[in-house]
Structures are given as C-alpha cells and as structure tokens.
C-alpha cells in the first residue's frame, strides 16, 4: 500500500509574475503555523532541453 502525499505546483505562463514572492509568503505562513513542509525546485527548462536533445538523437 503506497502513501500519497499532498503536492502542488506554483507556476505561471510568464516570468516576472510573482511566483517567488508568492512562494516565500506561503512558506512563511507554513513555518509560522508549525506546518511541516519540504520545498523541491524543478527546473522545467532543463527537463525540456534534455527531452528535446533525446528526440533529436533518435
């Protein structure tokens, strides 16, 4: 039996739209309320580039 952990992604269609500000505010609220959290950074561009490279090699 696997355990599903709650997750969500903060993203927008453009850069400079306040993702970091929102994230920092959210993390501050979680910390103040004593809610445990773990942040994980995802570099989507790196994943897309890697995928494009693999597609071009085939």
C-alpha atoms as a PDB file:
ATOM      1  CA  UNK A   1       0.000   0.000   0.000  1.00  0.00           C
ATOM      2  CA  UNK A   2       1.519   3.314  -1.052  1.00  0.00           C
ATOM      3  CA  UNK A   3       1.033   6.621   0.700  1.00  0.00           C
ATOM      4  CA  UNK A   4       0.065   9.607  -1.419  1.00  0.00           C
ATOM      5  CA  UNK A   5       1.488  12.891  -0.134  1.00  0.00           C
ATOM      6  CA  UNK A   6      -0.277  16.168  -0.909  1.00  0.00           C
ATOM      7  CA  UNK A   7       1.545  18.161  -3.576  1.00  0.00           C
ATOM      8  CA  UNK A   8       1.008  21.249  -5.667  1.00  0.00           C
ATOM      9  CA  UNK A   9       2.882  23.272  -8.241  1.00  0.00           C
ATOM     10  CA  UNK A  10       3.231  27.042  -8.375  1.00  0.00           C
ATOM     11  CA  UNK A  11       3.559  28.138 -11.980  1.00  0.00           C
ATOM     12  CA  UNK A  12       2.560  30.842 -14.418  1.00  0.00           C
ATOM     13  CA  UNK A  13       2.676  31.404 -18.149  1.00  0.00           C
ATOM     14  CA  UNK A  14       5.281  34.182 -17.899  1.00  0.00           C
ATOM     15  CA  UNK A  15       8.380  35.092 -15.968  1.00  0.00           C
ATOM     16  CA  UNK A  16       8.410  38.042 -13.556  1.00  0.00           C
ATOM     17  CA  UNK A  17       4.853  37.319 -12.446  1.00  0.00           C
ATOM     18  CA  UNK A  18       5.399  36.926  -8.682  1.00  0.00           C
ATOM     19  CA  UNK A  19       5.981  33.168  -8.268  1.00  0.00           C
ATOM     20  CA  UNK A  20       8.935  33.647  -5.914  1.00  0.00           C
ATOM     21  CA  UNK A  21       7.162  36.307  -3.847  1.00  0.00           C
ATOM     22  CA  UNK A  22       4.084  34.101  -3.520  1.00  0.00           C
ATOM     23  CA  UNK A  23       6.192  31.070  -2.633  1.00  0.00           C
ATOM     24  CA  UNK A  24       8.170  32.913   0.047  1.00  0.00           C
ATOM     25  CA  UNK A  25       4.960  34.221   1.589  1.00  0.00           C
ATOM     26  CA  UNK A  26       3.419  30.761   1.581  1.00  0.00           C
ATOM     27  CA  UNK A  27       6.494  29.202   3.196  1.00  0.00           C
ATOM     28  CA  UNK A  28       6.495  31.916   5.862  1.00  0.00           C
ATOM     29  CA  UNK A  29       2.860  31.202   6.734  1.00  0.00           C
ATOM     30  CA  UNK A  30       3.505  27.445   6.901  1.00  0.00           C
ATOM     31  CA  UNK A  31       6.507  27.989   9.179  1.00  0.00           C
ATOM     32  CA  UNK A  32       4.597  30.352  11.491  1.00  0.00           C
ATOM     33  CA  UNK A  33       1.778  27.837  11.837  1.00  0.00           C
ATOM     34  CA  UNK A  34       4.209  24.993  12.506  1.00  0.00           C
ATOM     35  CA  UNK A  35       3.133  23.055   9.422  1.00  0.00           C
ATOM     36  CA  UNK A  36       5.963  20.849   8.164  1.00  0.00           C
ATOM     37  CA  UNK A  37       6.890  21.238   4.522  1.00  0.00           C
ATOM     38  CA  UNK A  38       9.601  20.334   2.072  1.00  0.00           C
ATOM     39  CA  UNK A  39      10.306  22.501  -0.951  1.00  0.00           C
ATOM     40  CA  UNK A  40      11.616  20.960  -4.130  1.00  0.00           C
ATOM     41  CA  UNK A  41      12.873  23.057  -7.014  1.00  0.00           C
ATOM     42  CA  UNK A  42      12.127  21.884 -10.502  1.00  0.00           C
ATOM     43  CA  UNK A  43      13.985  23.321 -13.457  1.00  0.00           C
ATOM     44  CA  UNK A  44      11.478  22.694 -16.220  1.00  0.00           C
ATOM     45  CA  UNK A  45      13.712  24.212 -18.882  1.00  0.00           C
ATOM     46  CA  UNK A  46      16.421  21.658 -18.140  1.00  0.00           C
ATOM     47  CA  UNK A  47      13.916  18.812 -18.443  1.00  0.00           C
ATOM     48  CA  UNK A  48      12.549  20.177 -21.729  1.00  0.00           C
ATOM     49  CA  UNK A  49      16.039  20.678 -23.165  1.00  0.00           C
ATOM     50  CA  UNK A  50      17.020  17.147 -22.175  1.00  0.00           C
ATOM     51  CA  UNK A  51      13.854  15.809 -23.804  1.00  0.00           C
ATOM     52  CA  UNK A  52      14.480  17.807 -26.987  1.00  0.00           C
ATOM     53  CA  UNK A  53      18.052  16.504 -27.138  1.00  0.00           C
ATOM     54  CA  UNK A  54      16.813  12.927 -26.842  1.00  0.00           C
ATOM     55  CA  UNK A  55      14.223  13.491 -29.579  1.00  0.00           C
ATOM     56  CA  UNK A  56      16.849  14.885 -31.938  1.00  0.00           C
ATOM     57  CA  UNK A  57      19.144  11.892 -31.415  1.00  0.00           C
ATOM     58  CA  UNK A  58      16.518   9.379 -32.461  1.00  0.00           C
END
